Amino acid sequence: VQLQASGGGLVQAGGSLRLSCATSGSFFSISATGWYRQAPGSQREWVASITSGSTTSYAGSVKGRFTISRDNAKNMVYLQMNSLKPEDTAVYYCFTHGPGGRYWGQGTLVTVSS
């Protein structure tokens, strides 16, 4: 299983970005998937998840601002990020599950300037 995250960049506070994660493998459509992030000097923290049935859950710090979605036909998971804040600055990692457990993408950097 391989994952490729994209869509990061530099944005001003209050702006929006949409992250995408392309996955391989035949287990994606039956697996929960989602996003974590890691800010400089901090531990990796969970951001959002979506089940195979498209039930979503969010960390309190992003709820109401971020929206996770998936397209099983394309093996893609997305993270729409609105009303971005400087504290959202981090490397964002997508993940999914497969026969070997949890798999991670390489990360995409999001920088929010104040």
PDB file of N, CA and C in Angstrom:
ATOM      1  N   VAL A   1       0.853  -1.190   0.000  1.00  0.00           N
ATOM      2  CA  VAL A   1       0.000   0.000   0.000  1.00  0.00           C
ATOM      3  C   VAL A   1       0.883   1.232   0.000  1.00  0.00           C
ATOM      4  N   GLN A   2       0.641   2.124  -0.927  1.00  0.00           N
ATOM      5  CA  GLN A   2       1.402   3.372  -1.004  1.00  0.00           C
ATOM      6  C   GLN A   2       0.451   4.551  -0.979  1.00  0.00           C
ATOM      7  N   LEU A   3       0.901   5.632  -0.354  1.00  0.00           N
ATOM      8  CA  LEU A   3       0.104   6.842  -0.266  1.00  0.00           C
ATOM      9  C   LEU A   3       0.948   8.030  -0.695  1.00  0.00           C
ATOM     10  N   GLN A   4       0.339   8.956  -1.415  1.00  0.00           N
ATOM     11  CA  GLN A   4       1.016  10.152  -1.897  1.00  0.00           C
ATOM     12  C   GLN A   4       0.149  11.355  -1.575  1.00  0.00           C
ATOM     13  N   ALA A   5       0.615  12.160  -0.627  1.00  0.00           N
ATOM     14  CA  ALA A   5      -0.118  13.357  -0.236  1.00  0.00           C
ATOM     15  C   ALA A   5       0.348  14.549  -1.049  1.00  0.00           C
ATOM     16  N   SER A   6      -0.562  15.462  -1.313  1.00  0.00           N
ATOM     17  CA  SER A   6      -0.238  16.677  -2.063  1.00  0.00           C
ATOM     18  C   SER A   6      -1.206  17.777  -1.663  1.00  0.00           C
ATOM     19  N   GLY A   7      -0.897  19.000  -2.116  1.00  0.00           N
ATOM     20  CA  GLY A   7      -1.799  20.113  -1.888  1.00  0.00           C
ATOM     21  C   GLY A   7      -1.351  21.103  -0.836  1.00  0.00           C
ATOM     22  N   GLY A   8      -0.259  20.814  -0.150  1.00  0.00           N
ATOM     23  CA  GLY A   8       0.223  21.747   0.846  1.00  0.00           C
ATOM     24  C   GLY A   8       0.799  22.998   0.206  1.00  0.00           C
ATOM     25  N   GLY A   9       1.076  23.993   1.045  1.00  0.00           N
ATOM     26  CA  GLY A   9       1.646  25.236   0.551  1.00  0.00           C
ATOM     27  C   GLY A   9       1.587  26.317   1.600  1.00  0.00           C
ATOM     28  N   LEU A  10       1.841  27.528   1.142  1.00  0.00           N
ATOM     29  CA  LEU A  10       1.825  28.707   2.015  1.00  0.00           C
ATOM     30  C   LEU A  10       0.518  29.466   1.798  1.00  0.00           C
ATOM     31  N   VAL A  11      -0.159  29.772   2.885  1.00  0.00           N
ATOM     32  CA  VAL A  11      -1.425  30.493   2.807  1.00  0.00           C
ATOM     33  C   VAL A  11      -1.523  31.462   3.971  1.00  0.00           C
ATOM     34  N   GLN A  12      -2.222  32.549   3.754  1.00  0.00           N
ATOM     35  CA  GLN A  12      -2.426  33.516   4.834  1.00  0.00           C
ATOM     36  C   GLN A  12      -3.513  33.029   5.786  1.00  0.00           C
ATOM     37  N   ALA A  13      -3.443  33.487   6.997  1.00  0.00           N
ATOM     38  CA  ALA A  13      -4.467  33.150   7.976  1.00  0.00           C
ATOM     39  C   ALA A  13      -5.846  33.538   7.435  1.00  0.00           C
ATOM     40  N   GLY A  14      -6.797  32.655   7.647  1.00  0.00           N
ATOM     41  CA  GLY A  14      -8.133  32.854   7.117  1.00  0.00           C
ATOM     42  C   GLY A  14      -8.357  32.221   5.759  1.00  0.00           C
ATOM     43  N   GLY A  15      -7.277  31.791   5.139  1.00  0.00           N
ATOM     44  CA  GLY A  15      -7.375  31.190   3.817  1.00  0.00           C
ATOM     45  C   GLY A  15      -7.733  29.722   3.864  1.00  0.00           C
ATOM     46  N   SER A  16      -7.718  29.113   2.688  1.00  0.00           N
ATOM     47  CA  SER A  16      -8.113  27.710   2.545  1.00  0.00           C
ATOM     48  C   SER A  16      -7.101  26.939   1.726  1.00  0.00           C
ATOM     49  N   LEU A  17      -7.026  25.656   2.001  1.00  0.00           N
ATOM     50  CA  LEU A  17      -6.257  24.719   1.207  1.00  0.00           C
ATOM     51  C   LEU A  17      -7.015  23.403   1.157  1.00  0.00           C
ATOM     52  N   ARG A  18      -6.764  22.645   0.099  1.00  0.00           N
ATOM     53  CA  ARG A  18      -7.343  21.309  -0.012  1.00  0.00           C
ATOM     54  C   ARG A  18      -6.214  20.313  -0.210  1.00  0.00           C
ATOM     55  N   LEU A  19      -6.070  19.422   0.740  1.00  0.00           N
ATOM     56  CA  LEU A  19      -5.080  18.364   0.641  1.00  0.00           C
ATOM     57  C   LEU A  19      -5.695  17.145  -0.026  1.00  0.00           C
ATOM     58  N   SER A  20      -4.869  16.445  -0.791  1.00  0.00           N
ATOM     59  CA  SER A  20      -5.302  15.211  -1.445  1.00  0.00           C
ATOM     60  C   SER A  20      -4.325  14.104  -1.100  1.00  0.00           C
ATOM     61  N   CYS A  21      -4.816  12.896  -1.078  1.00  0.00           N
ATOM     62  CA  CYS A  21      -3.959  11.741  -0.814  1.00  0.00           C
ATOM     63  C   CYS A  21      -4.389  10.617  -1.749  1.00  0.00           C
ATOM     64  N   ALA A  22      -3.488  10.249  -2.630  1.00  0.00           N
ATOM     65  CA  ALA A  22      -3.734   9.152  -3.549  1.00  0.00           C
ATOM     66  C   ALA A  22      -3.192   7.863  -2.940  1.00  0.00           C
ATOM     67  N   THR A  23      -3.995   6.828  -2.955  1.00  0.00           N
ATOM     68  CA  THR A  23      -3.578   5.568  -2.348  1.00  0.00           C
ATOM     69  C   THR A  23      -3.608   4.448  -3.381  1.00  0.00           C
ATOM     70  N   SER A  24      -2.834   3.434  -3.110  1.00  0.00           N
ATOM     71  CA  SER A  24      -2.846   2.237  -3.948  1.00  0.00           C
ATOM     72  C   SER A  24      -3.365   1.079  -3.117  1.00  0.00           C
ATOM     73  N   GLY A  25      -3.601  -0.046  -3.749  1.00  0.00           N
ATOM     74  CA  GLY A  25      -4.039  -1.220  -3.016  1.00  0.00           C
ATOM     75  C   GLY A  25      -5.537  -1.418  -3.087  1.00  0.00           C
ATOM     76  N   SER A  26      -5.936  -2.649  -2.838  1.00  0.00           N
ATOM     77  CA  SER A  26      -7.340  -3.013  -3.005  1.00  0.00           C
ATOM     78  C   SER A  26      -8.142  -2.913  -1.714  1.00  0.00           C
ATOM     79  N   PHE A  27      -7.501  -2.481  -0.630  1.00  0.00           N
ATOM     80  CA  PHE A  27      -8.188  -2.447   0.656  1.00  0.00           C
ATOM     81  C   PHE A  27      -8.768  -1.077   0.991  1.00  0.00           C
ATOM     82  N   PHE A  28      -8.474  -0.077   0.173  1.00  0.00           N
ATOM     83  CA  PHE A  28      -8.839   1.295   0.533  1.00  0.00           C
ATOM     84  C   PHE A  28     -10.326   1.442   0.793  1.00  0.00           C
ATOM     85  N   SER A  29     -11.149   0.894  -0.079  1.00  0.00           N
ATOM     86  CA  SER A  29     -12.592   1.131   0.023  1.00  0.00           C
ATOM     87  C   SER A  29     -13.206   0.520   1.281  1.00  0.00           C
ATOM     88  N   ILE A  30     -12.518  -0.432   1.901  1.00  0.00           N
ATOM     89  CA  ILE A  30     -13.062  -1.061   3.104  1.00  0.00           C
ATOM     90  C   ILE A  30     -12.295  -0.639   4.353  1.00  0.00           C
ATOM     91  N   SER A  31     -11.451   0.374   4.218  1.00  0.00           N
ATOM     92  CA  SER A  31     -10.582   0.794   5.322  1.00  0.00           C
ATOM     93  C   SER A  31     -10.884   2.207   5.773  1.00  0.00           C
ATOM     94  N   ALA A  32     -10.763   2.420   7.061  1.00  0.00           N
ATOM     95  CA  ALA A  32     -10.777   3.785   7.572  1.00  0.00           C
ATOM     96  C   ALA A  32      -9.497   4.482   7.114  1.00  0.00           C
ATOM     97  N   THR A  33      -9.602   5.758   6.903  1.00  0.00           N
ATOM     98  CA  THR A  33      -8.452   6.531   6.445  1.00  0.00           C
ATOM     99  C   THR A  33      -8.546   7.918   7.049  1.00  0.00           C
ATOM    100  N   GLY A  34      -7.481   8.698   6.919  1.00  0.00           N
ATOM    101  CA  GLY A  34      -7.553  10.027   7.498  1.00  0.00           C
ATOM    102  C   GLY A  34      -6.234  10.756   7.476  1.00  0.00           C
ATOM    103  N   TRP A  35      -6.134  11.727   8.377  1.00  0.00           N
ATOM    104  CA  TRP A  35      -4.981  12.626   8.411  1.00  0.00           C
ATOM    105  C   TRP A  35      -4.485  12.846   9.838  1.00  0.00           C
ATOM    106  N   TYR A  36      -3.168  12.934   9.951  1.00  0.00           N
ATOM    107  CA  TYR A  36      -2.491  13.419  11.133  1.00  0.00           C
ATOM    108  C   TYR A  36      -1.669  14.629  10.715  1.00  0.00           C
ATOM    109  N   ARG A  37      -1.148  15.350  11.678  1.00  0.00           N
ATOM    110  CA  ARG A  37      -0.228  16.436  11.402  1.00  0.00           C
ATOM    111  C   ARG A  37       0.828  16.511  12.483  1.00  0.00           C
ATOM    112  N   GLN A  38       1.964  17.093  12.117  1.00  0.00           N
ATOM    113  CA  GLN A  38       3.054  17.269  13.063  1.00  0.00           C
ATOM    114  C   GLN A  38       3.650  18.641  12.881  1.00  0.00           C
ATOM    115  N   ALA A  39       3.496  19.459  13.899  1.00  0.00           N
ATOM    116  CA  ALA A  39       4.076  20.795  13.893  1.00  0.00           C
ATOM    117  C   ALA A  39       5.526  20.720  14.357  1.00  0.00           C
ATOM    118  N   PRO A  40       6.343  21.713  13.994  1.00  0.00           N
ATOM    119  CA  PRO A  40       7.742  21.702  14.419  1.00  0.00           C
ATOM    120  C   PRO A  40       7.872  21.600  15.938  1.00  0.00           C
ATOM    121  N   GLY A  41       8.660  20.656  16.392  1.00  0.00           N
ATOM    122  CA  GLY A  41       8.895  20.500  17.816  1.00  0.00           C
ATOM    123  C   GLY A  41       7.779  19.832  18.581  1.00  0.00           C
ATOM    124  N   SER A  42       6.786  19.331  17.857  1.00  0.00           N
ATOM    125  CA  SER A  42       5.624  18.718  18.508  1.00  0.00           C
ATOM    126  C   SER A  42       5.448  17.275  18.057  1.00  0.00           C
ATOM    127  N   GLN A  43       4.650  16.549  18.823  1.00  0.00           N
ATOM    128  CA  GLN A  43       4.333  15.178  18.430  1.00  0.00           C
ATOM    129  C   GLN A  43       3.274  15.181  17.343  1.00  0.00           C
ATOM    130  N   ARG A  44       3.233  14.087  16.608  1.00  0.00           N
ATOM    131  CA  ARG A  44       2.213  13.933  15.589  1.00  0.00           C
ATOM    132  C   ARG A  44       0.854  13.843  16.265  1.00  0.00           C
ATOM    133  N   GLU A  45      -0.123  14.565  15.743  1.00  0.00           N
ATOM    134  CA  GLU A  45      -1.453  14.553  16.328  1.00  0.00           C
ATOM    135  C   GLU A  45      -2.497  14.214  15.267  1.00  0.00           C
ATOM    136  N   TRP A  46      -3.514  13.528  15.701  1.00  0.00           N
ATOM    137  CA  TRP A  46      -4.610  13.139  14.828  1.00  0.00           C
ATOM    138  C   TRP A  46      -5.435  14.376  14.467  1.00  0.00           C
ATOM    139  N   VAL A  47      -5.857  14.433  13.194  1.00  0.00           N
ATOM    140  CA  VAL A  47      -6.641  15.560  12.712  1.00  0.00           C
ATOM    141  C   VAL A  47      -8.084  15.131  12.394  1.00  0.00           C
ATOM    142  N   ALA A  48      -8.210  14.100  11.547  1.00  0.00           N
ATOM    143  CA  ALA A  48      -9.544  13.691  11.105  1.00  0.00           C
ATOM    144  C   ALA A  48      -9.484  12.280  10.553  1.00  0.00           C
ATOM    145  N   SER A  49     -10.618  11.590  10.617  1.00  0.00           N
ATOM    146  CA  SER A  49     -10.739  10.245  10.074  1.00  0.00           C
ATOM    147  C   SER A  49     -12.069  10.094   9.382  1.00  0.00           C
ATOM    148  N   ILE A  50     -12.114   9.141   8.458  1.00  0.00           N
ATOM    149  CA  ILE A  50     -13.355   8.806   7.777  1.00  0.00           C
ATOM    150  C   ILE A  50     -13.390   7.301   7.612  1.00  0.00           C
ATOM    151  N   THR A  51     -14.513   6.699   7.987  1.00  0.00           N
ATOM    152  CA  THR A  51     -14.638   5.247   7.908  1.00  0.00           C
ATOM    153  C   THR A  51     -14.978   4.809   6.490  1.00  0.00           C
ATOM    154  N   SER A  52     -14.997   3.500   6.291  1.00  0.00           N
ATOM    155  CA  SER A  52     -15.377   2.979   4.984  1.00  0.00           C
ATOM    156  C   SER A  52     -16.811   3.371   4.636  1.00  0.00           C
ATOM    157  N   GLY A  53     -17.628   3.598   5.639  1.00  0.00           N
ATOM    158  CA  GLY A  53     -19.003   4.025   5.429  1.00  0.00           C
ATOM    159  C   GLY A  53     -19.170   5.527   5.414  1.00  0.00           C
ATOM    160  N   SER A  54     -18.037   6.237   5.390  1.00  0.00           N
ATOM    161  CA  SER A  54     -17.995   7.699   5.305  1.00  0.00           C
ATOM    162  C   SER A  54     -18.477   8.418   6.561  1.00  0.00           C
ATOM    163  N   THR A  55     -18.398   7.752   7.689  1.00  0.00           N
ATOM    164  CA  THR A  55     -18.608   8.447   8.958  1.00  0.00           C
ATOM    165  C   THR A  55     -17.329   9.199   9.300  1.00  0.00           C
ATOM    166  N   THR A  56     -17.477  10.472   9.631  1.00  0.00           N
ATOM    167  CA  THR A  56     -16.299  11.318   9.865  1.00  0.00           C
ATOM    168  C   THR A  56     -16.147  11.659  11.344  1.00  0.00           C
ATOM    169  N   SER A  57     -14.914  11.943  11.727  1.00  0.00           N
ATOM    170  CA  SER A  57     -14.623  12.434  13.067  1.00  0.00           C
ATOM    171  C   SER A  57     -13.451  13.391  12.973  1.00  0.00           C
ATOM    172  N   TYR A  58     -13.418  14.357  13.908  1.00  0.00           N
ATOM    173  CA  TYR A  58     -12.440  15.437  13.842  1.00  0.00           C
ATOM    174  C   TYR A  58     -11.872  15.740  15.219  1.00  0.00           C
ATOM    175  N   ALA A  59     -10.632  16.194  15.221  1.00  0.00           N
ATOM    176  CA  ALA A  59     -10.067  16.743  16.438  1.00  0.00           C
ATOM    177  C   ALA A  59     -10.783  18.039  16.771  1.00  0.00           C
ATOM    178  N   GLY A  60     -10.876  18.325  18.049  1.00  0.00           N
ATOM    179  CA  GLY A  60     -11.596  19.521  18.466  1.00  0.00           C
ATOM    180  C   GLY A  60     -11.020  20.801  17.886  1.00  0.00           C
ATOM    181  N   SER A  61      -9.708  20.816  17.669  1.00  0.00           N
ATOM    182  CA  SER A  61      -9.049  22.025  17.195  1.00  0.00           C
ATOM    183  C   SER A  61      -9.390  22.360  15.740  1.00  0.00           C
ATOM    184  N   VAL A  62      -9.923  21.399  14.988  1.00  0.00           N
ATOM    185  CA  VAL A  62     -10.221  21.646  13.574  1.00  0.00           C
ATOM    186  C   VAL A  62     -11.700  21.492  13.250  1.00  0.00           C
ATOM    187  N   LYS A  63     -12.473  21.015  14.188  1.00  0.00           N
ATOM    188  CA  LYS A  63     -13.892  20.769  13.934  1.00  0.00           C
ATOM    189  C   LYS A  63     -14.586  22.061  13.545  1.00  0.00           C
ATOM    190  N   GLY A  64     -15.374  21.977  12.482  1.00  0.00           N
ATOM    191  CA  GLY A  64     -16.069  23.160  11.978  1.00  0.00           C
ATOM    192  C   GLY A  64     -15.270  23.934  10.945  1.00  0.00           C
ATOM    193  N   ARG A  65     -13.981  23.642  10.819  1.00  0.00           N
ATOM    194  CA  ARG A  65     -13.138  24.328   9.841  1.00  0.00           C
ATOM    195  C   ARG A  65     -12.629  23.371   8.758  1.00  0.00           C
ATOM    196  N   PHE A  66     -12.384  22.134   9.132  1.00  0.00           N
ATOM    197  CA  PHE A  66     -11.851  21.139   8.201  1.00  0.00           C
ATOM    198  C   PHE A  66     -12.945  20.138   7.838  1.00  0.00           C
ATOM    199  N   THR A  67     -12.877  19.624   6.617  1.00  0.00           N
ATOM    200  CA  THR A  67     -13.807  18.602   6.163  1.00  0.00           C
ATOM    201  C   THR A  67     -13.035  17.496   5.459  1.00  0.00           C
ATOM    202  N   ILE A  68     -13.213  16.276   5.931  1.00  0.00           N
ATOM    203  CA  ILE A  68     -12.569  15.126   5.305  1.00  0.00           C
ATOM    204  C   ILE A  68     -13.590  14.430   4.411  1.00  0.00           C
ATOM    205  N   SER A  69     -13.098  13.928   3.278  1.00  0.00           N
ATOM    206  CA  SER A  69     -13.967  13.194   2.362  1.00  0.00           C
ATOM    207  C   SER A  69     -13.135  12.139   1.650  1.00  0.00           C
ATOM    208  N   ARG A  70     -13.818  11.225   0.982  1.00  0.00           N
ATOM    209  CA  ARG A  70     -13.114  10.164   0.270  1.00  0.00           C
ATOM    210  C   ARG A  70     -13.840   9.863  -1.032  1.00  0.00           C
ATOM    211  N   ASP A  71     -13.077   9.359  -1.988  1.00  0.00           N
ATOM    212  CA  ASP A  71     -13.622   8.900  -3.265  1.00  0.00           C
ATOM    213  C   ASP A  71     -13.079   7.488  -3.477  1.00  0.00           C
ATOM    214  N   ASN A  72     -13.887   6.510  -3.170  1.00  0.00           N
ATOM    215  CA  ASN A  72     -13.412   5.132  -3.256  1.00  0.00           C
ATOM    216  C   ASN A  72     -13.117   4.704  -4.692  1.00  0.00           C
ATOM    217  N   ALA A  73     -13.822   5.274  -5.645  1.00  0.00           N
ATOM    218  CA  ALA A  73     -13.593   4.915  -7.046  1.00  0.00           C
ATOM    219  C   ALA A  73     -12.204   5.343  -7.508  1.00  0.00           C
ATOM    220  N   LYS A  74     -11.700   6.420  -6.896  1.00  0.00           N
ATOM    221  CA  LYS A  74     -10.381   6.947  -7.263  1.00  0.00           C
ATOM    222  C   LYS A  74      -9.312   6.627  -6.234  1.00  0.00           C
ATOM    223  N   ASN A  75      -9.689   5.929  -5.164  1.00  0.00           N
ATOM    224  CA  ASN A  75      -8.743   5.634  -4.085  1.00  0.00           C
ATOM    225  C   ASN A  75      -8.120   6.914  -3.520  1.00  0.00           C
ATOM    226  N   MET A  76      -8.963   7.918  -3.300  1.00  0.00           N
ATOM    227  CA  MET A  76      -8.477   9.209  -2.843  1.00  0.00           C
ATOM    228  C   MET A  76      -9.146   9.591  -1.521  1.00  0.00           C
ATOM    229  N   VAL A  77      -8.393  10.302  -0.699  1.00  0.00           N
ATOM    230  CA  VAL A  77      -8.952  10.937   0.482  1.00  0.00           C
ATOM    231  C   VAL A  77      -8.535  12.402   0.453  1.00  0.00           C
ATOM    232  N   TYR A  78      -9.424  13.272   0.903  1.00  0.00           N
ATOM    233  CA  TYR A  78      -9.211  14.709   0.828  1.00  0.00           C
ATOM    234  C   TYR A  78      -9.391  15.348   2.203  1.00  0.00           C
ATOM    235  N   LEU A  79      -8.749  16.497   2.368  1.00  0.00           N
ATOM    236  CA  LEU A  79      -8.952  17.302   3.564  1.00  0.00           C
ATOM    237  C   LEU A  79      -9.107  18.752   3.122  1.00  0.00           C
ATOM    238  N   GLN A  80     -10.327  19.251   3.184  1.00  0.00           N
ATOM    239  CA  GLN A  80     -10.595  20.656   2.891  1.00  0.00           C
ATOM    240  C   GLN A  80     -10.393  21.449   4.167  1.00  0.00           C
ATOM    241  N   MET A  81      -9.494  22.403   4.113  1.00  0.00           N
ATOM    242  CA  MET A  81      -9.140  23.184   5.298  1.00  0.00           C
ATOM    243  C   MET A  81      -9.510  24.643   5.064  1.00  0.00           C
ATOM    244  N   ASN A  82     -10.452  25.137   5.851  1.00  0.00           N
ATOM    245  CA  ASN A  82     -10.905  26.519   5.746  1.00  0.00           C
ATOM    246  C   ASN A  82     -10.563  27.279   7.026  1.00  0.00           C
ATOM    247  N   SER A  83     -10.619  28.583   6.933  1.00  0.00           N
ATOM    248  CA  SER A  83     -10.347  29.448   8.090  1.00  0.00           C
ATOM    249  C   SER A  83      -9.047  29.042   8.776  1.00  0.00           C
ATOM    250  N   LEU A  84      -8.021  28.880   7.989  1.00  0.00           N
ATOM    251  CA  LEU A  84      -6.742  28.400   8.522  1.00  0.00           C
ATOM    252  C   LEU A  84      -6.129  29.392   9.490  1.00  0.00           C
ATOM    253  N   LYS A  85      -5.460  28.850  10.493  1.00  0.00           N
ATOM    254  CA  LYS A  85      -4.814  29.638  11.540  1.00  0.00           C
ATOM    255  C   LYS A  85      -3.321  29.326  11.541  1.00  0.00           C
ATOM    256  N   PRO A  86      -2.499  30.234  12.040  1.00  0.00           N
ATOM    257  CA  PRO A  86      -1.060  29.951  12.118  1.00  0.00           C
ATOM    258  C   PRO A  86      -0.758  28.652  12.869  1.00  0.00           C
ATOM    259  N   GLU A  87      -1.568  28.312  13.850  1.00  0.00           N
ATOM    260  CA  GLU A  87      -1.326  27.086  14.609  1.00  0.00           C
ATOM    261  C   GLU A  87      -1.658  25.821  13.822  1.00  0.00           C
ATOM    262  N   ASP A  88      -2.215  25.974  12.625  1.00  0.00           N
ATOM    263  CA  ASP A  88      -2.426  24.828  11.741  1.00  0.00           C
ATOM    264  C   ASP A  88      -1.164  24.479  10.951  1.00  0.00           C
ATOM    265  N   THR A  89      -0.139  25.306  11.061  1.00  0.00           N
ATOM    266  CA  THR A  89       1.119  25.045  10.372  1.00  0.00           C
ATOM    267  C   THR A  89       1.706  23.717  10.838  1.00  0.00           C
ATOM    268  N   ALA A  90       1.956  22.830   9.884  1.00  0.00           N
ATOM    269  CA  ALA A  90       2.452  21.495  10.201  1.00  0.00           C
ATOM    270  C   ALA A  90       2.682  20.729   8.908  1.00  0.00           C
ATOM    271  N   VAL A  91       3.341  19.601   9.043  1.00  0.00           N
ATOM    272  CA  VAL A  91       3.373  18.619   7.963  1.00  0.00           C
ATOM    273  C   VAL A  91       2.167  17.705   8.170  1.00  0.00           C
ATOM    274  N   TYR A  92       1.382  17.548   7.132  1.00  0.00           N
ATOM    275  CA  TYR A  92       0.165  16.744   7.194  1.00  0.00           C
ATOM    276  C   TYR A  92       0.413  15.396   6.535  1.00  0.00           C
ATOM    277  N   TYR A  93       0.054  14.343   7.255  1.00  0.00           N
ATOM    278  CA  TYR A  93       0.259  12.976   6.790  1.00  0.00           C
ATOM    279  C   TYR A  93      -1.089  12.273   6.629  1.00  0.00           C
ATOM    280  N   CYS A  94      -1.273  11.623   5.495  1.00  0.00           N
ATOM    281  CA  CYS A  94      -2.466  10.800   5.336  1.00  0.00           C
ATOM    282  C   CYS A  94      -2.119   9.360   5.730  1.00  0.00           C
ATOM    283  N   PHE A  95      -3.135   8.624   6.091  1.00  0.00           N
ATOM    284  CA  PHE A  95      -2.940   7.229   6.467  1.00  0.00           C
ATOM    285  C   PHE A  95      -4.132   6.408   5.997  1.00  0.00           C
ATOM    286  N   THR A  96      -3.889   5.117   5.860  1.00  0.00           N
ATOM    287  CA  THR A  96      -4.974   4.185   5.621  1.00  0.00           C
ATOM    288  C   THR A  96      -4.552   2.845   6.207  1.00  0.00           C
ATOM    289  N   HIS A  97      -5.402   1.869   6.069  1.00  0.00           N
ATOM    290  CA  HIS A  97      -5.117   0.554   6.629  1.00  0.00           C
ATOM    291  C   HIS A  97      -5.095  -0.485   5.529  1.00  0.00           C
ATOM    292  N   GLY A  98      -4.281  -1.499   5.750  1.00  0.00           N
ATOM    293  CA  GLY A  98      -4.176  -2.594   4.804  1.00  0.00           C
ATOM    294  C   GLY A  98      -3.794  -3.864   5.525  1.00  0.00           C
ATOM    295  N   PRO A  99      -3.381  -4.875   4.789  1.00  0.00           N
ATOM    296  CA  PRO A  99      -3.078  -6.176   5.406  1.00  0.00           C
ATOM    297  C   PRO A  99      -1.948  -6.138   6.413  1.00  0.00           C
ATOM    298  N   GLY A 100      -1.047  -5.155   6.284  1.00  0.00           N
ATOM    299  CA  GLY A 100       0.074  -5.067   7.198  1.00  0.00           C
ATOM    300  C   GLY A 100      -0.144  -4.099   8.337  1.00  0.00           C
ATOM    301  N   GLY A 101      -1.336  -3.527   8.439  1.00  0.00           N
ATOM    302  CA  GLY A 101      -1.627  -2.570   9.490  1.00  0.00           C
ATOM    303  C   GLY A 101      -1.879  -1.185   8.933  1.00  0.00           C
ATOM    304  N   ARG A 102      -1.330  -0.166   9.574  1.00  0.00           N
ATOM    305  CA  ARG A 102      -1.520   1.218   9.150  1.00  0.00           C
ATOM    306  C   ARG A 102      -0.385   1.631   8.231  1.00  0.00           C
ATOM    307  N   TYR A 103      -0.742   2.328   7.181  1.00  0.00           N
ATOM    308  CA  TYR A 103       0.217   2.828   6.212  1.00  0.00           C
ATOM    309  C   TYR A 103       0.159   4.352   6.172  1.00  0.00           C
ATOM    310  N   TRP A 104       1.338   4.966   5.918  1.00  0.00           N
ATOM    311  CA  TRP A 104       1.460   6.424   5.954  1.00  0.00           C
ATOM    312  C   TRP A 104       1.963   6.962   4.626  1.00  0.00           C
ATOM    313  N   GLY A 105       1.488   8.167   4.294  1.00  0.00           N
ATOM    314  CA  GLY A 105       2.060   8.910   3.184  1.00  0.00           C
ATOM    315  C   GLY A 105       3.289   9.672   3.646  1.00  0.00           C
ATOM    316  N   GLN A 106       3.927  10.372   2.717  1.00  0.00           N
ATOM    317  CA  GLN A 106       5.194  11.031   3.015  1.00  0.00           C
ATOM    318  C   GLN A 106       5.021  12.397   3.661  1.00  0.00           C
ATOM    319  N   GLY A 107       3.829  12.939   3.654  1.00  0.00           N
ATOM    320  CA  GLY A 107       3.589  14.235   4.272  1.00  0.00           C
ATOM    321  C   GLY A 107       3.632  15.376   3.280  1.00  0.00           C
ATOM    322  N   THR A 108       2.814  16.380   3.551  1.00  0.00           N
ATOM    323  CA  THR A 108       2.818  17.603   2.759  1.00  0.00           C
ATOM    324  C   THR A 108       2.779  18.782   3.725  1.00  0.00           C
ATOM    325  N   LEU A 109       3.614  19.775   3.474  1.00  0.00           N
ATOM    326  CA  LEU A 109       3.788  20.893   4.397  1.00  0.00           C
ATOM    327  C   LEU A 109       2.744  21.979   4.163  1.00  0.00           C
ATOM    328  N   VAL A 110       2.082  22.355   5.234  1.00  0.00           N
ATOM    329  CA  VAL A 110       1.139  23.476   5.228  1.00  0.00           C
ATOM    330  C   VAL A 110       1.706  24.563   6.134  1.00  0.00           C
ATOM    331  N   THR A 111       1.867  25.756   5.586  1.00  0.00           N
ATOM    332  CA  THR A 111       2.365  26.890   6.352  1.00  0.00           C
ATOM    333  C   THR A 111       1.332  28.004   6.298  1.00  0.00           C
ATOM    334  N   VAL A 112       0.876  28.438   7.461  1.00  0.00           N
ATOM    335  CA  VAL A 112      -0.127  29.497   7.540  1.00  0.00           C
ATOM    336  C   VAL A 112       0.539  30.724   8.156  1.00  0.00           C
ATOM    337  N   SER A 113       0.583  31.788   7.401  1.00  0.00           N
ATOM    338  CA  SER A 113       1.211  33.018   7.881  1.00  0.00           C
ATOM    339  C   SER A 113       0.167  33.924   8.531  1.00  0.00           C
ATOM    340  N   SER A 114       0.635  34.675   9.520  1.00  0.00           N
ATOM    341  CA  SER A 114      -0.294  35.558  10.244  1.00  0.00           C
ATOM    342  C   SER A 114      -0.367  36.929   9.607  1.00  0.00           C
TER     343      SER A 114
END
